[in-house]
Protein backbone atom coordinates (compact mmCIF):
# COMPACT_ATOMS: atom_id res chain seq x y z
CA MET A 1 99.09 -20.46 27.49
CA GLU A 2 99.63 -22.77 30.49
CA GLN A 3 97.16 -22.26 33.34
CA SER A 4 99.96 -22.30 35.58
CA ASN A 5 101.38 -19.30 34.16
CA VAL A 6 98.16 -16.84 34.62
CA LEU A 7 98.49 -14.42 36.61
CA ARG A 8 94.90 -14.39 37.99
CA LYS A 9 92.67 -17.26 38.04
CA THR A 10 89.29 -16.89 37.95
CA ALA A 11 87.31 -18.11 40.99
CA GLU A 12 86.13 -21.27 39.47
CA GLU A 13 89.78 -22.22 38.20
CA ALA A 14 91.31 -21.56 41.47
CA TYR A 15 88.61 -23.40 43.10
CA ALA A 16 87.82 -25.81 40.68
CA ARG A 17 88.87 -29.06 43.57
CA GLU A 18 86.08 -27.52 46.08
CA LEU A 19 83.46 -26.97 43.63
CA GLU A 20 83.55 -30.38 42.04
CA ALA A 21 83.61 -32.03 45.49
CA ILE A 22 80.70 -29.91 46.25
CA GLN A 23 78.54 -30.64 43.50
CA SER A 24 79.52 -34.31 43.88
CA ALA A 25 78.32 -34.51 47.08
CA GLU A 26 74.68 -32.64 46.07
CA ARG A 27 71.33 -34.24 47.84
CA ASP A 28 69.18 -30.78 47.55
CA ALA A 29 67.16 -29.70 44.86
CA VAL A 30 69.34 -27.46 42.19
CA PRO A 31 67.26 -24.52 40.98
CA THR A 32 67.21 -24.25 36.73
CA GLY A 33 70.50 -23.11 35.43
CA TRP A 34 72.56 -23.83 38.56
CA LYS A 35 75.56 -26.31 39.35
CA MET A 36 74.07 -26.55 43.03
CA SER A 37 71.63 -25.72 45.45
CA PRO A 38 71.63 -22.87 47.61
CA ARG A 39 72.50 -24.72 50.43
CA SER A 40 75.30 -25.82 48.91
CA VAL A 41 76.23 -22.24 47.44
CA LEU A 42 76.44 -21.42 50.94
CA THR A 43 78.83 -24.21 52.26
CA TYR A 44 81.40 -22.81 49.36
CA ILE A 45 80.92 -19.36 50.63
CA MET A 46 81.63 -19.56 53.95
CA GLY A 47 83.69 -23.29 54.08
CA ASN A 48 85.40 -24.19 57.29
CA THR A 49 84.29 -28.02 57.02
CA LYS A 50 85.27 -30.73 54.59
CA VAL A 51 83.21 -32.35 51.66
CA LYS A 52 84.29 -35.91 50.12
CA GLY A 53 87.65 -35.16 51.68
CA VAL A 54 88.64 -31.92 49.91
CA GLU A 55 89.07 -28.96 52.82
CA ILE A 56 86.34 -26.05 51.82
CA SER A 57 88.09 -22.91 52.62
CA PRO A 58 85.98 -19.90 53.84
CA LYS A 59 85.48 -17.20 51.16
CA TYR A 60 83.44 -14.83 53.35
CA MET A 61 84.30 -14.74 56.71
CA GLY A 62 81.54 -12.73 58.48
CA ASN A 63 77.85 -12.84 58.84
CA GLN A 64 76.21 -15.83 57.86
CA ARG A 65 72.94 -14.64 57.11
CA LEU A 66 73.74 -11.87 55.21
CA VAL A 67 75.13 -14.71 52.74
CA GLU A 68 72.21 -16.61 52.70
CA ILE A 69 70.12 -13.39 51.97
CA ALA A 70 72.45 -13.03 49.04
CA ILE A 71 71.73 -16.43 47.76
CA ALA A 72 68.06 -16.29 48.31
CA THR A 73 67.96 -13.03 46.22
CA LEU A 74 69.28 -15.03 43.50
CA VAL A 75 66.70 -18.00 43.50
CA THR A 76 63.79 -15.17 42.79
CA ASP A 77 63.40 -12.97 39.92
CA ARG A 78 65.07 -10.28 41.53
CA ALA A 79 68.94 -9.02 41.53
CA LEU A 80 71.31 -8.80 43.99
CA LEU A 81 73.00 -5.23 45.10
CA LEU A 82 76.24 -5.42 47.49
CA ILE A 83 76.74 -2.16 48.94
CA GLY A 84 79.69 -1.43 51.59
CA GLU A 85 82.90 0.42 52.19
CA PRO A 86 86.13 -0.33 50.11
CA GLY A 87 87.65 -3.50 50.95
CA THR A 88 84.36 -4.98 52.51
CA ALA A 89 84.69 -8.02 49.86
CA LYS A 90 81.93 -6.86 47.63
CA SER A 91 83.55 -8.32 44.44
CA TRP A 92 85.40 -11.32 45.83
CA LEU A 93 81.68 -12.25 47.29
CA SER A 94 80.37 -11.14 44.02
CA GLU A 95 82.71 -13.25 42.07
CA HIS A 96 82.50 -16.19 44.10
CA LEU A 97 78.56 -16.37 44.10
CA SER A 98 78.69 -16.44 40.43
CA ALA A 99 81.25 -19.51 40.44
CA ALA A 100 79.37 -21.44 42.81
CA VAL A 101 75.74 -20.81 41.11
CA ASN A 102 76.88 -20.99 37.44
CA GLY A 103 80.41 -22.11 37.33
CA ASP A 104 81.26 -19.10 35.32
CA SER A 105 82.28 -15.49 37.12
CA THR A 106 83.28 -14.01 33.87
CA LYS A 107 80.38 -11.99 32.48
CA VAL A 108 81.49 -8.88 34.23
CA VAL A 109 80.91 -5.15 33.14
CA GLN A 110 83.17 -3.13 34.99
CA GLY A 111 81.58 0.23 35.87
CA THR A 112 83.54 3.54 35.20
CA ALA A 113 82.78 6.90 33.92
CA GLY A 114 83.73 5.60 30.43
CA THR A 115 81.03 3.05 30.60
CA THR A 116 78.55 3.00 28.13
CA GLU A 117 75.22 1.71 27.24
CA GLU A 118 76.53 -0.63 24.60
CA GLN A 119 78.33 -2.39 27.09
CA ILE A 120 75.47 -2.84 29.03
CA ARG A 121 73.15 -4.15 26.06
CA TYR A 122 74.75 -4.50 22.88
CA SER A 123 77.17 -3.06 20.09
CA TRP A 124 78.17 -4.09 16.67
CA ASN A 125 81.23 -4.69 14.81
CA TYR A 126 81.25 -1.84 12.45
CA ALA A 127 83.47 -3.28 9.89
CA MET A 128 80.65 -5.61 9.66
CA LEU A 129 77.75 -3.54 10.19
CA ILE A 130 78.94 -1.05 6.99
CA ALA A 131 79.62 -4.23 4.78
CA ASN A 132 76.53 -6.05 5.29
CA GLY A 133 74.26 -3.96 7.49
CA PRO A 134 72.98 -5.24 10.61
CA SER A 135 72.56 -8.64 11.52
CA ALA A 136 73.35 -11.64 13.99
CA GLU A 137 77.13 -12.03 12.75
CA ALA A 138 77.84 -8.29 13.24
CA MET A 139 76.34 -7.75 17.02
CA VAL A 140 78.45 -7.74 20.05
CA LYS A 141 76.93 -8.73 22.92
CA SER A 142 77.34 -7.78 26.41
CA PRO A 143 78.20 -10.00 29.01
CA VAL A 144 74.75 -9.10 30.36
CA TYR A 145 73.11 -10.19 27.06
CA ARG A 146 75.18 -13.24 27.26
CA ALA A 147 73.82 -13.64 30.57
CA MET A 148 70.67 -13.63 29.96
CA GLU A 149 70.82 -16.20 26.68
CA THR A 150 72.59 -18.62 29.16
CA GLY A 151 70.42 -17.98 32.08
CA SER A 152 73.10 -17.49 33.73
CA ILE A 153 74.79 -14.33 36.41
CA ALA A 154 76.24 -11.02 35.14
CA ARG A 155 77.99 -8.86 37.28
CA VAL A 156 78.17 -5.00 37.19
CA GLU A 157 80.59 -3.96 39.34
CA GLU A 158 80.44 -0.63 41.14
CA ILE A 159 77.34 0.69 38.99
CA SER A 160 77.76 4.18 41.23
CA ARG A 161 80.44 5.00 38.89
CA CYS A 162 78.28 4.67 35.73
CA ALA A 163 76.20 7.48 34.34
CA SER A 164 72.88 7.81 34.99
CA GLU A 165 71.73 6.88 31.59
CA VAL A 166 74.21 3.73 31.46
CA GLN A 167 72.50 2.48 34.86
CA ASP A 168 69.43 3.20 33.87
CA ALA A 169 69.69 0.84 31.06
CA LEU A 170 69.26 -1.90 33.43
CA ILE A 171 65.66 -0.98 34.50
CA SER A 172 63.97 -2.34 31.47
CA ILE A 173 66.38 -5.55 31.58
CA LEU A 174 65.49 -6.11 34.80
CA SER A 175 61.99 -5.47 34.84
CA GLU A 176 60.93 -7.31 31.65
CA LYS A 177 63.97 -9.66 31.63
CA ARG A 178 64.25 -9.32 27.74
CA ILE A 179 66.21 -7.21 25.84
CA SER A 180 65.15 -5.47 22.49
CA VAL A 181 67.31 -5.69 19.55
CA PRO A 182 65.05 -3.59 17.02
CA GLU A 183 67.76 -3.42 14.16
CA LEU A 184 67.01 -6.74 14.07
CA GLY A 185 63.19 -6.97 15.15
CA LEU A 186 64.40 -8.91 18.05
CA GLU A 187 63.06 -9.36 21.38
CA VAL A 188 65.61 -11.87 23.26
CA PRO A 189 63.72 -13.47 26.32
CA ALA A 190 66.03 -13.96 29.79
CA GLN A 191 66.43 -17.92 30.36
CA LYS A 192 65.46 -19.24 34.06
CA GLY A 193 68.99 -18.59 36.24
CA PHE A 194 69.34 -15.29 34.40
CA SER A 195 70.24 -12.57 37.22
CA VAL A 196 72.74 -9.97 38.23
CA ILE A 197 74.75 -9.13 40.96
CA ALA A 198 76.18 -5.21 41.41
CA THR A 199 78.25 -3.76 43.23
CA ALA A 200 78.34 -0.24 44.83
CA ASN A 201 80.74 1.82 47.06
CA THR A 202 79.44 3.83 49.71
CA ARG A 203 82.66 6.37 49.10
CA ASP A 204 80.82 6.75 45.72
CA LYS A 205 77.52 8.25 47.20
CA GLY A 206 76.93 11.18 45.39
CA VAL A 207 79.36 10.65 42.11
CA ASN A 208 76.00 8.90 40.06
CA ASP A 209 73.54 8.33 42.59
CA MET A 210 71.34 5.38 41.56
CA SER A 211 67.47 6.18 40.89
CA ALA A 212 64.97 5.10 43.31
CA ALA A 213 63.40 3.32 40.40
CA LEU A 214 66.66 1.25 39.47
CA LYS A 215 67.19 0.63 43.57
CA ARG A 216 63.60 -1.11 43.38
CA ARG A 217 65.11 -3.88 41.09
CA PHE A 218 67.63 -4.94 43.40
CA ASN A 219 67.68 -6.85 46.96
CA ILE A 220 70.36 -4.79 48.70
CA VAL A 221 72.45 -6.23 51.30
CA VAL A 222 75.11 -3.95 52.83
CA LEU A 223 78.35 -5.56 53.90
CA PRO A 224 79.85 -4.14 56.81
CA THR A 225 83.64 -3.61 57.82
CA PRO A 226 85.15 -6.66 60.28
CA GLY A 227 83.40 -5.94 63.23
CA ASP A 228 86.12 -7.17 65.68
CA MET A 229 90.31 -7.15 65.77
CA ALA A 230 90.60 -10.85 65.58
CA THR A 231 87.95 -11.55 62.73
CA GLU A 232 89.89 -8.74 60.53
CA MET A 233 93.21 -10.46 61.38
CA ASP A 234 91.71 -13.71 60.44
CA ILE A 235 90.65 -12.27 57.02
CA VAL A 236 93.80 -10.64 56.13
CA ARG A 237 96.13 -13.84 56.81
CA THR A 238 93.53 -16.11 54.85
CA ARG A 239 94.00 -13.92 51.94
CA VAL A 240 97.32 -13.33 52.35
CA ALA A 241 98.25 -16.89 51.77
CA GLN A 242 95.96 -17.50 49.21
CA MET A 243 96.65 -14.34 47.27
CA SER A 244 100.99 -14.91 47.57
CA ALA A 245 100.32 -18.70 46.76
CA GLY A 246 99.67 -17.86 43.15
CA LEU A 247 102.90 -15.19 43.14
CA ASP A 248 106.64 -15.59 42.94
CA LEU A 249 107.04 -13.51 46.14
CA ASN A 250 109.80 -15.93 47.52
CA ALA A 251 108.86 -14.79 51.11
CA ARG A 252 107.35 -16.64 54.10
CA GLN A 253 104.10 -15.66 55.32
CA PRO A 254 103.92 -12.76 58.02
CA ASP A 255 104.06 -13.72 61.51
CA LYS A 256 100.91 -13.02 63.90
CA ASP A 257 102.33 -9.83 65.23
CA VAL A 258 103.27 -8.31 62.09
CA VAL A 259 99.40 -9.17 60.70
CA GLU A 260 98.60 -7.91 64.17
CA ARG A 261 100.23 -4.07 64.15
CA VAL A 262 99.22 -3.31 60.45
CA VAL A 263 95.32 -4.16 61.36
CA THR A 264 95.92 -2.06 64.71
CA ILE A 265 96.99 0.83 62.64
CA PHE A 266 94.51 0.53 59.99
CA ARG A 267 91.59 0.10 62.76
CA GLU A 268 92.92 3.29 64.52
CA LEU A 269 93.51 5.38 61.63
CA ARG A 270 90.36 4.18 60.17
CA ALA A 271 88.31 5.11 63.20
CA GLY A 272 90.07 8.05 64.25
CA MET A 273 90.79 6.65 67.93
CA THR A 274 93.37 4.33 69.95
CA LEU A 275 91.71 0.57 70.02
CA ASP A 276 91.48 1.70 73.70
CA GLY A 277 89.25 4.62 72.90
CA LYS A 278 91.86 7.21 75.04
CA GLN A 279 93.34 8.96 72.48
CA LYS A 280 91.84 10.89 69.53
CA LEU A 281 93.30 10.70 66.00
CA LYS A 282 93.70 12.43 62.64
CA ALA A 283 92.06 10.29 60.13
CA THR A 284 93.76 10.32 56.95
CA SER A 285 92.43 10.68 53.47
CA GLY A 286 92.66 7.18 52.70
CA VAL A 287 90.12 4.57 53.47
CA LEU A 288 92.44 1.82 55.06
CA SER A 289 90.28 -1.10 54.14
CA THR A 290 90.98 -4.78 54.91
CA ALA A 291 91.80 -5.24 51.02
CA GLU A 292 94.84 -2.35 51.60
CA ALA A 293 96.00 -4.41 54.54
CA ILE A 294 95.97 -7.42 52.19
CA SER A 295 97.80 -5.58 49.75
CA LEU A 296 100.29 -3.81 52.05
CA LEU A 297 101.71 -7.34 53.39
CA ALA A 298 101.76 -8.90 49.99
CA ASN A 299 103.70 -5.94 49.10
CA ALA A 300 105.73 -6.08 52.14
CA MET A 301 106.45 -9.86 51.43
CA ALA A 302 107.50 -8.88 47.95
CA LEU A 303 110.55 -6.76 49.34
CA ALA A 304 111.60 -9.15 51.76
CA GLY A 305 111.83 -12.17 49.22
CA SER A 306 113.48 -9.75 46.66
CA PHE A 307 115.39 -7.68 48.57
CA GLY A 308 115.78 -9.53 52.08
CA ASP A 309 116.17 -13.04 53.64
CA GLY A 310 112.48 -13.52 53.15
CA ARG A 311 111.25 -12.86 56.16
CA ILE A 312 109.37 -9.56 56.91
CA ARG A 313 111.39 -6.81 58.28
CA ASP A 314 110.78 -3.34 60.28
CA GLU A 315 111.89 -1.68 57.46
CA ASP A 316 109.85 -3.75 55.02
CA LEU A 317 106.72 -3.15 56.35
CA ALA A 318 107.71 0.41 57.12
CA ALA A 319 108.02 1.20 53.23
CA ALA A 320 104.44 -0.45 52.64
CA LEU A 321 102.99 1.42 55.41
CA GLN A 322 103.94 4.44 53.98
CA GLY A 323 102.65 3.90 50.75
CA ALA A 324 99.58 2.84 52.04
CA VAL A 325 98.69 5.79 54.53
CA VAL A 326 100.36 8.23 52.69
CA LYS A 327 98.33 8.96 49.93
CA ASP A 328 97.84 12.76 50.17
CA GLU A 329 101.10 14.53 50.67
CA GLU A 330 100.26 17.56 52.54
CA LYS A 331 97.76 15.93 54.41
CA ASP A 332 98.22 12.14 55.17
CA ALA A 333 101.76 12.98 56.24
CA LEU A 334 101.24 15.30 59.29
CA SER A 335 98.71 13.07 60.27
CA TRP A 336 100.63 9.69 59.84
CA LYS A 337 103.97 11.79 61.41
CA GLU A 338 101.58 12.46 64.30
CA TYR A 339 100.40 9.08 64.71
CA LEU A 340 104.12 8.19 64.85
CA GLU A 341 105.18 10.07 67.69
CA ASN A 342 101.68 9.79 69.78
CA VAL A 343 100.89 6.73 69.45
CA MET A 344 103.45 4.26 68.00
CA LYS A 345 106.71 5.70 70.33
CA LYS A 346 104.80 5.29 73.18
CA ARG A 347 103.87 1.40 72.89
CA GLY A 348 107.08 -0.28 74.28
CA HIS A 349 110.43 -2.18 73.02
CA VAL A 350 107.95 -4.12 70.23
CA TRP A 351 106.90 -1.33 68.30
CA LEU A 352 110.11 0.63 68.49
CA PRO A 353 112.15 -0.56 65.58
CA LEU A 354 109.14 -0.35 63.46
CA TYR A 355 108.65 3.43 64.69
CA ARG A 356 112.16 4.34 63.96
CA ALA A 357 111.65 2.67 60.65
CA CYS A 358 108.46 4.08 59.61
CA ARG A 359 109.84 7.51 60.93
CA GLU A 360 112.92 7.68 58.92
CA LEU A 361 111.29 7.05 55.41
CA ASN A 362 108.62 9.72 56.71
CA GLU A 363 111.18 12.60 57.11
CA GLN A 364 112.93 11.65 53.41
């Protein structure tokens, strides 16, 4: 398959030119198993600079010190746990850290209620196992196992979605830095450079709480939601441009006022209060994260490109907002209606067309 036809490229594929430029300009000491120095990893993540004529785009827009702590953790023998609200770029940062450190972000275990211990350790090709018994050829190595063998980073996404016994499979791996295969009489030691980056959603707290023993094996970095309006708008505009570049949306990038209105609505409903602090609002059941704002605008672009002139209209934005805000029909529809009537309607002629389009959809 041609690379240009891939729906979603990995970070190391999408940003190969930036990674190559930073590696070729390396002047600092590079840890064993890494592709570049910690300082260069920081340059790749934070961006907003040029290296050998190549513009390095920002991958994370937030507190630089948090990124420095995350990178420094990976230099040690401790694993890294990124915690935050949905949409705070935990997975995005995890992927780009892996791409910068190892040039490979694909060793991933996706945590779900159905994730098993075998997906953390190893499993077997049962046809080969029955035919020939346990052997190296019959073994199916997990991403964590392969990362240990190669001295690279394994990613465990949404670790708090995994059952407790699955989470605990990591304890011996992170403590002993080796994995035991009793069927083959093997003890596989981790090579230098091995580490684990896990992510956990604070909204999933209580689903499968991590044990104290497992938490002690991680250095925890909490990623906050964007602190101010301007930062969140910058994140949304940047990520919408990056996301839409790989899709055939046939639409123009959203205007600044469109992004501002979406971010305003999300921040107010998320906080349960208008930005000026004068009016309390009913919160909705959804998170209304920055990531959802990005997806909303991409959806509005798809509507504008497929059924309009390529420029996001109020009708396109209203349809995308309806789908993002109203997750629970009974609760959210009422909260959204009250927001329309008590806040959006009173904001003057600039907001009036969007109010009318939203109200029309909400009443259907």
